[in-house]
PDB file of all heavy atoms in Angstrom:
ATOM      1  N   SER A   1       0.846  -1.200   0.000  1.00  0.00           N
ATOM      2  CA  SER A   1       0.000   0.000   0.000  1.00  0.00           C
ATOM      3  C   SER A   1       0.876   1.242   0.000  1.00  0.00           C
ATOM      4  O   SER A   1       0.619   2.195  -0.751  1.00  0.00           O
ATOM      5  CB  SER A   1      -0.919   0.014   1.227  1.00  0.00           C
ATOM      6  OG  SER A   1      -1.798  -1.082   1.191  1.00  0.00           O
ATOM      7  N   PHE A   2       1.906   1.230   0.813  1.00  0.00           N
ATOM      8  CA  PHE A   2       2.837   2.353   0.872  1.00  0.00           C
ATOM      9  C   PHE A   2       3.543   2.542  -0.471  1.00  0.00           C
ATOM     10  O   PHE A   2       3.647   3.661  -0.985  1.00  0.00           O
ATOM     11  CB  PHE A   2       3.856   2.126   2.003  1.00  0.00           C
ATOM     12  CG  PHE A   2       4.760   3.287   2.248  1.00  0.00           C
ATOM     13  CD1 PHE A   2       4.293   4.427   2.882  1.00  0.00           C
ATOM     14  CD2 PHE A   2       6.089   3.242   1.851  1.00  0.00           C
ATOM     15  CE1 PHE A   2       5.130   5.504   3.120  1.00  0.00           C
ATOM     16  CE2 PHE A   2       6.931   4.311   2.082  1.00  0.00           C
ATOM     17  CZ  PHE A   2       6.455   5.448   2.717  1.00  0.00           C
ATOM     18  N   ILE A   3       4.022   1.456  -1.054  1.00  0.00           N
ATOM     19  CA  ILE A   3       4.691   1.513  -2.357  1.00  0.00           C
ATOM     20  C   ILE A   3       3.735   2.065  -3.413  1.00  0.00           C
ATOM     21  O   ILE A   3       4.103   2.920  -4.230  1.00  0.00           O
ATOM     22  CB  ILE A   3       5.221   0.123  -2.765  1.00  0.00           C
ATOM     23  CG1 ILE A   3       6.387  -0.286  -1.858  1.00  0.00           C
ATOM     24  CG2 ILE A   3       5.637   0.084  -4.235  1.00  0.00           C
ATOM     25  CD1 ILE A   3       6.801  -1.749  -1.980  1.00  0.00           C
ATOM     26  N   GLY A   4       2.500   1.587  -3.420  1.00  0.00           N
ATOM     27  CA  GLY A   4       1.507   2.053  -4.394  1.00  0.00           C
ATOM     28  C   GLY A   4       1.194   3.532  -4.239  1.00  0.00           C
ATOM     29  O   GLY A   4       1.084   4.259  -5.237  1.00  0.00           O
ATOM     30  N   ILE A   5       1.057   4.001  -3.009  1.00  0.00           N
ATOM     31  CA  ILE A   5       0.744   5.417  -2.768  1.00  0.00           C
ATOM     32  C   ILE A   5       1.904   6.315  -3.197  1.00  0.00           C
ATOM     33  O   ILE A   5       1.696   7.339  -3.853  1.00  0.00           O
ATOM     34  CB  ILE A   5       0.383   5.644  -1.286  1.00  0.00           C
ATOM     35  CG1 ILE A   5      -0.979   5.000  -0.987  1.00  0.00           C
ATOM     36  CG2 ILE A   5       0.356   7.132  -0.940  1.00  0.00           C
ATOM     37  CD1 ILE A   5      -1.304   4.893   0.503  1.00  0.00           C
ATOM     38  N   VAL A   6       3.120   5.929  -2.852  1.00  0.00           N
ATOM     39  CA  VAL A   6       4.289   6.719  -3.260  1.00  0.00           C
ATOM     40  C   VAL A   6       4.370   6.791  -4.785  1.00  0.00           C
ATOM     41  O   VAL A   6       4.571   7.863  -5.365  1.00  0.00           O
ATOM     42  CB  VAL A   6       5.594   6.133  -2.657  1.00  0.00           C
ATOM     43  CG1 VAL A   6       6.827   6.748  -3.299  1.00  0.00           C
ATOM     44  CG2 VAL A   6       5.610   6.348  -1.148  1.00  0.00           C
ATOM     45  N   THR A   7       4.183   5.662  -5.446  1.00  0.00           N
ATOM     46  CA  THR A   7       4.242   5.644  -6.910  1.00  0.00           C
ATOM     47  C   THR A   7       3.098   6.451  -7.507  1.00  0.00           C
ATOM     48  O   THR A   7       3.298   7.163  -8.499  1.00  0.00           O
ATOM     49  CB  THR A   7       4.224   4.198  -7.435  1.00  0.00           C
ATOM     50  OG1 THR A   7       5.297   3.478  -6.838  1.00  0.00           O
ATOM     51  CG2 THR A   7       4.367   4.158  -8.953  1.00  0.00           C
ATOM     52  N   PHE A   8       1.910   6.363  -6.930  1.00  0.00           N
ATOM     53  CA  PHE A   8       0.776   7.165  -7.394  1.00  0.00           C
ATOM     54  C   PHE A   8       1.146   8.652  -7.369  1.00  0.00           C
ATOM     55  O   PHE A   8       0.941   9.369  -8.353  1.00  0.00           O
ATOM     56  CB  PHE A   8      -0.455   6.917  -6.516  1.00  0.00           C
ATOM     57  CG  PHE A   8      -1.631   7.773  -6.872  1.00  0.00           C
ATOM     58  CD1 PHE A   8      -2.580   7.317  -7.776  1.00  0.00           C
ATOM     59  CD2 PHE A   8      -1.787   9.041  -6.327  1.00  0.00           C
ATOM     60  CE1 PHE A   8      -3.674   8.111  -8.120  1.00  0.00           C
ATOM     61  CE2 PHE A   8      -2.862   9.843  -6.666  1.00  0.00           C
ATOM     62  CZ  PHE A   8      -3.810   9.375  -7.565  1.00  0.00           C
ATOM     63  N   LEU A   9       1.689   9.112  -6.257  1.00  0.00           N
ATOM     64  CA  LEU A   9       2.031  10.529  -6.113  1.00  0.00           C
ATOM     65  C   LEU A   9       3.125  10.952  -7.096  1.00  0.00           C
ATOM     66  O   LEU A   9       3.019  12.001  -7.739  1.00  0.00           O
ATOM     67  CB  LEU A   9       2.450  10.824  -4.672  1.00  0.00           C
ATOM     68  CG  LEU A   9       1.351  10.658  -3.622  1.00  0.00           C
ATOM     69  CD1 LEU A   9       1.926  10.782  -2.211  1.00  0.00           C
ATOM     70  CD2 LEU A   9       0.219  11.651  -3.846  1.00  0.00           C
ATOM     71  N   PHE A  10       4.166  10.132  -7.218  1.00  0.00           N
ATOM     72  CA  PHE A  10       5.241  10.447  -8.155  1.00  0.00           C
ATOM     73  C   PHE A  10       4.733  10.455  -9.599  1.00  0.00           C
ATOM     74  O   PHE A  10       5.127  11.308 -10.401  1.00  0.00           O
ATOM     75  CB  PHE A  10       6.392   9.444  -8.022  1.00  0.00           C
ATOM     76  CG  PHE A  10       7.428   9.833  -7.020  1.00  0.00           C
ATOM     77  CD1 PHE A  10       7.270   9.523  -5.675  1.00  0.00           C
ATOM     78  CD2 PHE A  10       8.571  10.513  -7.401  1.00  0.00           C
ATOM     79  CE1 PHE A  10       8.226   9.871  -4.741  1.00  0.00           C
ATOM     80  CE2 PHE A  10       9.536  10.867  -6.482  1.00  0.00           C
ATOM     81  CZ  PHE A  10       9.362  10.549  -5.134  1.00  0.00           C
ATOM     82  N   SER A  11       3.875   9.523  -9.944  1.00  0.00           N
ATOM     83  CA  SER A  11       3.361   9.426 -11.309  1.00  0.00           C
ATOM     84  C   SER A  11       2.456  10.604 -11.656  1.00  0.00           C
ATOM     85  O   SER A  11       2.579  11.187 -12.739  1.00  0.00           O
ATOM     86  CB  SER A  11       2.601   8.119 -11.505  1.00  0.00           C
ATOM     87  OG  SER A  11       3.448   7.024 -11.271  1.00  0.00           O
ATOM     88  N   ALA A  12       1.563  10.952 -10.753  1.00  0.00           N
ATOM     89  CA  ALA A  12       0.676  12.100 -10.990  1.00  0.00           C
ATOM     90  C   ALA A  12       1.504  13.375 -11.139  1.00  0.00           C
ATOM     91  O   ALA A  12       1.269  14.180 -12.054  1.00  0.00           O
ATOM     92  CB  ALA A  12      -0.332  12.235  -9.854  1.00  0.00           C
ATOM     93  N   ALA A  13       2.492  13.546 -10.273  1.00  0.00           N
ATOM     94  CA  ALA A  13       3.367  14.723 -10.360  1.00  0.00           C
ATOM     95  C   ALA A  13       4.165  14.701 -11.658  1.00  0.00           C
ATOM     96  O   ALA A  13       4.370  15.749 -12.290  1.00  0.00           O
ATOM     97  CB  ALA A  13       4.306  14.770  -9.157  1.00  0.00           C
ATOM     98  N   GLY A  14       4.603  13.524 -12.079  1.00  0.00           N
ATOM     99  CA  GLY A  14       5.375  13.403 -13.315  1.00  0.00           C
ATOM    100  C   GLY A  14       4.604  13.854 -14.541  1.00  0.00           C
ATOM    101  O   GLY A  14       5.157  14.515 -15.427  1.00  0.00           O
ATOM    102  N   VAL A  15       3.322  13.509 -14.612  1.00  0.00           N
ATOM    103  CA  VAL A  15       2.496  13.946 -15.744  1.00  0.00           C
ATOM    104  C   VAL A  15       2.449  15.473 -15.787  1.00  0.00           C
ATOM    105  O   VAL A  15       2.623  16.090 -16.841  1.00  0.00           O
ATOM    106  CB  VAL A  15       1.073  13.358 -15.671  1.00  0.00           C
ATOM    107  CG1 VAL A  15       0.169  13.982 -16.719  1.00  0.00           C
ATOM    108  CG2 VAL A  15       1.109  11.843 -15.842  1.00  0.00           C
ATOM    109  N   LYS A  16       2.231  16.085 -14.646  1.00  0.00           N
ATOM    110  CA  LYS A  16       2.142  17.546 -14.586  1.00  0.00           C
ATOM    111  C   LYS A  16       3.478  18.197 -14.930  1.00  0.00           C
ATOM    112  O   LYS A  16       3.534  19.149 -15.712  1.00  0.00           O
ATOM    113  CB  LYS A  16       1.674  17.980 -13.188  1.00  0.00           C
ATOM    114  CG  LYS A  16       1.402  19.449 -13.086  1.00  0.00           C
ATOM    115  CD  LYS A  16       0.241  19.849 -13.982  1.00  0.00           C
ATOM    116  CE  LYS A  16      -0.085  21.319 -13.806  1.00  0.00           C
ATOM    117  NZ  LYS A  16      -1.032  21.783 -14.811  1.00  0.00           N
ATOM    118  N   ILE A  17       4.554  17.674 -14.369  1.00  0.00           N
ATOM    119  CA  ILE A  17       5.891  18.220 -14.652  1.00  0.00           C
ATOM    120  C   ILE A  17       6.212  18.095 -16.139  1.00  0.00           C
ATOM    121  O   ILE A  17       6.687  19.046 -16.765  1.00  0.00           O
ATOM    122  CB  ILE A  17       6.954  17.501 -13.793  1.00  0.00           C
ATOM    123  CG1 ILE A  17       6.788  17.906 -12.325  1.00  0.00           C
ATOM    124  CG2 ILE A  17       8.363  17.813 -14.281  1.00  0.00           C
ATOM    125  CD1 ILE A  17       7.569  17.039 -11.352  1.00  0.00           C
ATOM    126  N   GLY A  18       5.953  16.930 -16.712  1.00  0.00           N
ATOM    127  CA  GLY A  18       6.201  16.726 -18.138  1.00  0.00           C
ATOM    128  C   GLY A  18       5.380  17.660 -18.996  1.00  0.00           C
ATOM    129  O   GLY A  18       5.859  18.195 -19.996  1.00  0.00           O
ATOM    130  N   ASN A  19       4.148  17.890 -18.602  1.00  0.00           N
ATOM    131  CA  ASN A  19       3.278  18.769 -19.367  1.00  0.00           C
ATOM    132  C   ASN A  19       3.756  20.214 -19.330  1.00  0.00           C
ATOM    133  O   ASN A  19       3.736  20.899 -20.350  1.00  0.00           O
ATOM    134  CB  ASN A  19       1.843  18.668 -18.857  1.00  0.00           C
ATOM    135  CG  ASN A  19       0.889  19.467 -19.698  1.00  0.00           C
ATOM    136  OD1 ASN A  19       0.375  20.479 -19.267  1.00  0.00           O
ATOM    137  ND2 ASN A  19       0.677  19.018 -20.926  1.00  0.00           N
ATOM    138  N   VAL A  20       4.186  20.675 -18.191  1.00  0.00           N
ATOM    139  CA  VAL A  20       4.650  22.058 -18.059  1.00  0.00           C
ATOM    140  C   VAL A  20       5.871  22.296 -18.945  1.00  0.00           C
ATOM    141  O   VAL A  20       5.949  23.300 -19.645  1.00  0.00           O
ATOM    142  CB  VAL A  20       4.980  22.397 -16.583  1.00  0.00           C
ATOM    143  CG1 VAL A  20       5.731  23.713 -16.466  1.00  0.00           C
ATOM    144  CG2 VAL A  20       3.704  22.428 -15.760  1.00  0.00           C
ATOM    145  N   PHE A  21       6.798  21.363 -18.944  1.00  0.00           N
ATOM    146  CA  PHE A  21       8.006  21.538 -19.736  1.00  0.00           C
ATOM    147  C   PHE A  21       7.812  21.186 -21.205  1.00  0.00           C
ATOM    148  O   PHE A  21       8.572  21.656 -22.048  1.00  0.00           O
ATOM    149  CB  PHE A  21       9.156  20.717 -19.148  1.00  0.00           C
ATOM    150  CG  PHE A  21       9.635  21.252 -17.847  1.00  0.00           C
ATOM    151  CD1 PHE A  21       9.364  20.577 -16.671  1.00  0.00           C
ATOM    152  CD2 PHE A  21      10.330  22.439 -17.787  1.00  0.00           C
ATOM    153  CE1 PHE A  21       9.791  21.071 -15.453  1.00  0.00           C
ATOM    154  CE2 PHE A  21      10.763  22.948 -16.577  1.00  0.00           C
ATOM    155  CZ  PHE A  21      10.496  22.265 -15.409  1.00  0.00           C
ATOM    156  N   GLY A  22       6.804  20.398 -21.515  1.00  0.00           N
ATOM    157  CA  GLY A  22       6.603  19.957 -22.892  1.00  0.00           C
ATOM    158  C   GLY A  22       5.680  20.822 -23.711  1.00  0.00           C
ATOM    159  O   GLY A  22       5.588  20.664 -24.923  1.00  0.00           O
ATOM    160  N   ALA A  23       4.987  21.759 -23.110  1.00  0.00           N
ATOM    161  CA  ALA A  23       3.991  22.560 -23.819  1.00  0.00           C
ATOM    162  C   ALA A  23       4.599  23.353 -24.970  1.00  0.00           C
ATOM    163  O   ALA A  23       3.992  23.483 -26.026  1.00  0.00           O
ATOM    164  CB  ALA A  23       3.280  23.509 -22.853  1.00  0.00           C
ATOM    165  N   ARG A  24       5.787  23.874 -24.797  1.00  0.00           N
ATOM    166  CA  ARG A  24       6.414  24.714 -25.832  1.00  0.00           C
ATOM    167  C   ARG A  24       7.080  23.900 -26.935  1.00  0.00           C
ATOM    168  O   ARG A  24       7.200  24.358 -28.056  1.00  0.00           O
ATOM    169  CB  ARG A  24       7.452  25.627 -25.182  1.00  0.00           C
ATOM    170  CG  ARG A  24       6.846  26.640 -24.267  1.00  0.00           C
ATOM    171  CD  ARG A  24       7.919  27.558 -23.696  1.00  0.00           C
ATOM    172  NE  ARG A  24       7.405  28.144 -22.478  1.00  0.00           N
ATOM    173  CZ  ARG A  24       7.824  27.859 -21.267  1.00  0.00           C
ATOM    174  NH1 ARG A  24       8.783  26.984 -21.090  1.00  0.00           N
ATOM    175  NH2 ARG A  24       7.295  28.444 -20.222  1.00  0.00           N
ATOM    176  N   TYR A  25       7.549  22.725 -26.591  1.00  0.00           N
ATOM    177  CA  TYR A  25       8.354  21.942 -27.531  1.00  0.00           C
ATOM    178  C   TYR A  25       7.819  20.524 -27.661  1.00  0.00           C
ATOM    179  O   TYR A  25       8.567  19.547 -27.544  1.00  0.00           O
ATOM    180  CB  TYR A  25       9.805  21.894 -27.041  1.00  0.00           C
ATOM    181  CG  TYR A  25      10.381  23.238 -26.711  1.00  0.00           C
ATOM    182  CD1 TYR A  25      10.484  23.668 -25.400  1.00  0.00           C
ATOM    183  CD2 TYR A  25      10.810  24.087 -27.726  1.00  0.00           C
ATOM    184  CE1 TYR A  25      11.008  24.908 -25.093  1.00  0.00           C
ATOM    185  CE2 TYR A  25      11.326  25.331 -27.431  1.00  0.00           C
ATOM    186  CZ  TYR A  25      11.431  25.735 -26.110  1.00  0.00           C
ATOM    187  OH  TYR A  25      11.947  26.963 -25.816  1.00  0.00           O
ATOM    188  N   LYS A  26       6.537  20.404 -27.946  1.00  0.00           N
ATOM    189  CA  LYS A  26       5.854  19.114 -27.890  1.00  0.00           C
ATOM    190  C   LYS A  26       6.528  18.020 -28.711  1.00  0.00           C
ATOM    191  O   LYS A  26       6.840  16.960 -28.196  1.00  0.00           O
ATOM    192  CB  LYS A  26       4.395  19.262 -28.299  1.00  0.00           C
ATOM    193  CG  LYS A  26       3.624  17.955 -28.144  1.00  0.00           C
ATOM    194  CD  LYS A  26       2.227  18.085 -28.644  1.00  0.00           C
ATOM    195  CE  LYS A  26       1.466  16.803 -28.524  1.00  0.00           C
ATOM    196  NZ  LYS A  26       2.097  15.642 -29.071  1.00  0.00           N
ATOM    197  N   ALA A  27       6.735  18.256 -30.001  1.00  0.00           N
ATOM    198  CA  ALA A  27       7.282  17.194 -30.856  1.00  0.00           C
ATOM    199  C   ALA A  27       8.689  16.802 -30.408  1.00  0.00           C
ATOM    200  O   ALA A  27       9.000  15.615 -30.278  1.00  0.00           O
ATOM    201  CB  ALA A  27       7.295  17.630 -32.311  1.00  0.00           C
ATOM    202  N   LYS A  28       9.535  17.783 -30.151  1.00  0.00           N
ATOM    203  CA  LYS A  28      10.896  17.489 -29.704  1.00  0.00           C
ATOM    204  C   LYS A  28      10.874  16.793 -28.349  1.00  0.00           C
ATOM    205  O   LYS A  28      11.649  15.862 -28.105  1.00  0.00           O
ATOM    206  CB  LYS A  28      11.712  18.775 -29.612  1.00  0.00           C
ATOM    207  CG  LYS A  28      12.048  19.367 -30.955  1.00  0.00           C
ATOM    208  CD  LYS A  28      12.836  20.649 -30.799  1.00  0.00           C
ATOM    209  CE  LYS A  28      13.062  21.280 -32.161  1.00  0.00           C
ATOM    210  NZ  LYS A  28      13.714  22.568 -32.062  1.00  0.00           N
ATOM    211  N   ALA A  29       9.993  17.252 -27.491  1.00  0.00           N
ATOM    212  CA  ALA A  29       9.893  16.657 -26.157  1.00  0.00           C
ATOM    213  C   ALA A  29       9.410  15.214 -26.231  1.00  0.00           C
ATOM    214  O   ALA A  29       9.879  14.354 -25.488  1.00  0.00           O
ATOM    215  CB  ALA A  29       8.958  17.488 -25.283  1.00  0.00           C
ATOM    216  N   GLU A  30       8.486  14.936 -27.142  1.00  0.00           N
ATOM    217  CA  GLU A  30       7.977  13.571 -27.284  1.00  0.00           C
ATOM    218  C   GLU A  30       9.060  12.642 -27.815  1.00  0.00           C
ATOM    219  O   GLU A  30       9.195  11.501 -27.365  1.00  0.00           O
ATOM    220  CB  GLU A  30       6.751  13.556 -28.197  1.00  0.00           C
ATOM    221  CG  GLU A  30       5.739  12.524 -27.805  1.00  0.00           C
ATOM    222  CD  GLU A  30       4.458  12.626 -28.599  1.00  0.00           C
ATOM    223  OE1 GLU A  30       3.888  13.717 -28.694  1.00  0.00           O
ATOM    224  OE2 GLU A  30       4.049  11.581 -29.125  1.00  0.00           O
ATOM    225  N   VAL A  31       9.846  13.130 -28.773  1.00  0.00           N
ATOM    226  CA  VAL A  31      10.974  12.342 -29.265  1.00  0.00           C
ATOM    227  C   VAL A  31      11.943  12.088 -28.124  1.00  0.00           C
ATOM    228  O   VAL A  31      12.396  10.959 -27.907  1.00  0.00           O
ATOM    229  CB  VAL A  31      11.686  13.057 -30.444  1.00  0.00           C
ATOM    230  CG1 VAL A  31      13.009  12.372 -30.772  1.00  0.00           C
ATOM    231  CG2 VAL A  31      10.796  13.082 -31.671  1.00  0.00           C
ATOM    232  N   PHE A  32      12.240  13.139 -27.368  1.00  0.00           N
ATOM    233  CA  PHE A  32      13.145  13.012 -26.229  1.00  0.00           C
ATOM    234  C   PHE A  32      12.602  12.015 -25.208  1.00  0.00           C
ATOM    235  O   PHE A  32      13.330  11.165 -24.697  1.00  0.00           O
ATOM    236  CB  PHE A  32      13.367  14.389 -25.590  1.00  0.00           C
ATOM    237  CG  PHE A  32      14.326  14.384 -24.445  1.00  0.00           C
ATOM    238  CD1 PHE A  32      15.680  14.148 -24.649  1.00  0.00           C
ATOM    239  CD2 PHE A  32      13.886  14.617 -23.158  1.00  0.00           C
ATOM    240  CE1 PHE A  32      16.571  14.138 -23.590  1.00  0.00           C
ATOM    241  CE2 PHE A  32      14.764  14.605 -22.093  1.00  0.00           C
ATOM    242  CZ  PHE A  32      16.112  14.375 -22.308  1.00  0.00           C
ATOM    243  N   GLY A  33      11.305  12.108 -24.921  1.00  0.00           N
ATOM    244  CA  GLY A  33      10.671  11.182 -23.989  1.00  0.00           C
ATOM    245  C   GLY A  33      10.763   9.744 -24.469  1.00  0.00           C
ATOM    246  O   GLY A  33      11.039   8.831 -23.693  1.00  0.00           O
ATOM    247  N   GLY A  34      10.520   9.527 -25.758  1.00  0.00           N
ATOM    248  CA  GLY A  34      10.642   8.186 -26.324  1.00  0.00           C
ATOM    249  C   GLY A  34      12.061   7.657 -26.222  1.00  0.00           C
ATOM    250  O   GLY A  34      12.286   6.489 -25.893  1.00  0.00           O
ATOM    251  N   LEU A  35      13.027   8.538 -26.499  1.00  0.00           N
ATOM    252  CA  LEU A  35      14.433   8.135 -26.381  1.00  0.00           C
ATOM    253  C   LEU A  35      14.799   7.808 -24.937  1.00  0.00           C
ATOM    254  O   LEU A  35      15.578   6.884 -24.682  1.00  0.00           O
ATOM    255  CB  LEU A  35      15.345   9.231 -26.937  1.00  0.00           C
ATOM    256  CG  LEU A  35      15.259   9.450 -28.452  1.00  0.00           C
ATOM    257  CD1 LEU A  35      16.097  10.650 -28.868  1.00  0.00           C
ATOM    258  CD2 LEU A  35      15.667   8.198 -29.212  1.00  0.00           C
ATOM    259  N   ILE A  36      14.237   8.562 -23.997  1.00  0.00           N
ATOM    260  CA  ILE A  36      14.476   8.268 -22.585  1.00  0.00           C
ATOM    261  C   ILE A  36      14.013   6.853 -22.264  1.00  0.00           C
ATOM    262  O   ILE A  36      14.719   6.086 -21.608  1.00  0.00           O
ATOM    263  CB  ILE A  36      13.758   9.278 -21.669  1.00  0.00           C
ATOM    264  CG1 ILE A  36      14.465  10.627 -21.715  1.00  0.00           C
ATOM    265  CG2 ILE A  36      13.691   8.769 -20.230  1.00  0.00           C
ATOM    266  CD1 ILE A  36      13.721  11.726 -20.974  1.00  0.00           C
ATOM    267  N   LEU A  37      12.817   6.489 -22.746  1.00  0.00           N
ATOM    268  CA  LEU A  37      12.302   5.141 -22.483  1.00  0.00           C
ATOM    269  C   LEU A  37      13.199   4.068 -23.099  1.00  0.00           C
ATOM    270  O   LEU A  37      13.484   3.050 -22.471  1.00  0.00           O
ATOM    271  CB  LEU A  37      10.874   5.006 -23.002  1.00  0.00           C
ATOM    272  CG  LEU A  37       9.819   5.838 -22.294  1.00  0.00           C
ATOM    273  CD1 LEU A  37       8.461   5.573 -22.914  1.00  0.00           C
ATOM    274  CD2 LEU A  37       9.787   5.546 -20.810  1.00  0.00           C
ATOM    275  N   ILE A  38      13.641   4.325 -24.321  1.00  0.00           N
ATOM    276  CA  ILE A  38      14.534   3.365 -24.979  1.00  0.00           C
ATOM    277  C   ILE A  38      15.822   3.214 -24.179  1.00  0.00           C
ATOM    278  O   ILE A  38      16.279   2.095 -23.897  1.00  0.00           O
ATOM    279  CB  ILE A  38      14.829   3.796 -26.430  1.00  0.00           C
ATOM    280  CG1 ILE A  38      13.547   3.698 -27.275  1.00  0.00           C
ATOM    281  CG2 ILE A  38      15.953   2.957 -27.030  1.00  0.00           C
ATOM    282  CD1 ILE A  38      13.645   4.369 -28.634  1.00  0.00           C
ATOM    283  N   PHE A  39      16.391   4.338 -23.767  1.00  0.00           N
ATOM    284  CA  PHE A  39      17.633   4.282 -22.997  1.00  0.00           C
ATOM    285  C   PHE A  39      17.425   3.674 -21.614  1.00  0.00           C
ATOM    286  O   PHE A  39      18.324   3.008 -21.087  1.00  0.00           O
ATOM    287  CB  PHE A  39      18.290   5.660 -22.906  1.00  0.00           C
ATOM    288  CG  PHE A  39      18.904   6.091 -24.214  1.00  0.00           C
ATOM    289  CD1 PHE A  39      18.513   7.264 -24.812  1.00  0.00           C
ATOM    290  CD2 PHE A  39      19.863   5.307 -24.850  1.00  0.00           C
ATOM    291  CE1 PHE A  39      19.055   7.654 -26.028  1.00  0.00           C
ATOM    292  CE2 PHE A  39      20.420   5.686 -26.059  1.00  0.00           C
ATOM    293  CZ  PHE A  39      20.015   6.870 -26.658  1.00  0.00           C
ATOM    294  N   MET A  40      16.250   3.878 -21.018  1.00  0.00           N
ATOM    295  CA  MET A  40      15.957   3.229 -19.741  1.00  0.00           C
ATOM    296  C   MET A  40      15.964   1.717 -19.908  1.00  0.00           C
ATOM    297  O   MET A  40      16.498   0.982 -19.076  1.00  0.00           O
ATOM    298  CB  MET A  40      14.593   3.681 -19.198  1.00  0.00           C
ATOM    299  CG  MET A  40      14.624   5.010 -18.496  1.00  0.00           C
ATOM    300  SD  MET A  40      12.995   5.603 -17.958  1.00  0.00           S
ATOM    301  CE  MET A  40      12.228   4.167 -17.269  1.00  0.00           C
TER     302      MET A  40
END
């Protein structure tokens, strides 16, 4: 339950953080995000 709650909070915050930084550079940011996943 603790693990799930922590991940819930981090994930919800991550969507908002990504959106704030990605609004101006959507296509480049999406490519960058995809590359991050590949590198992960």
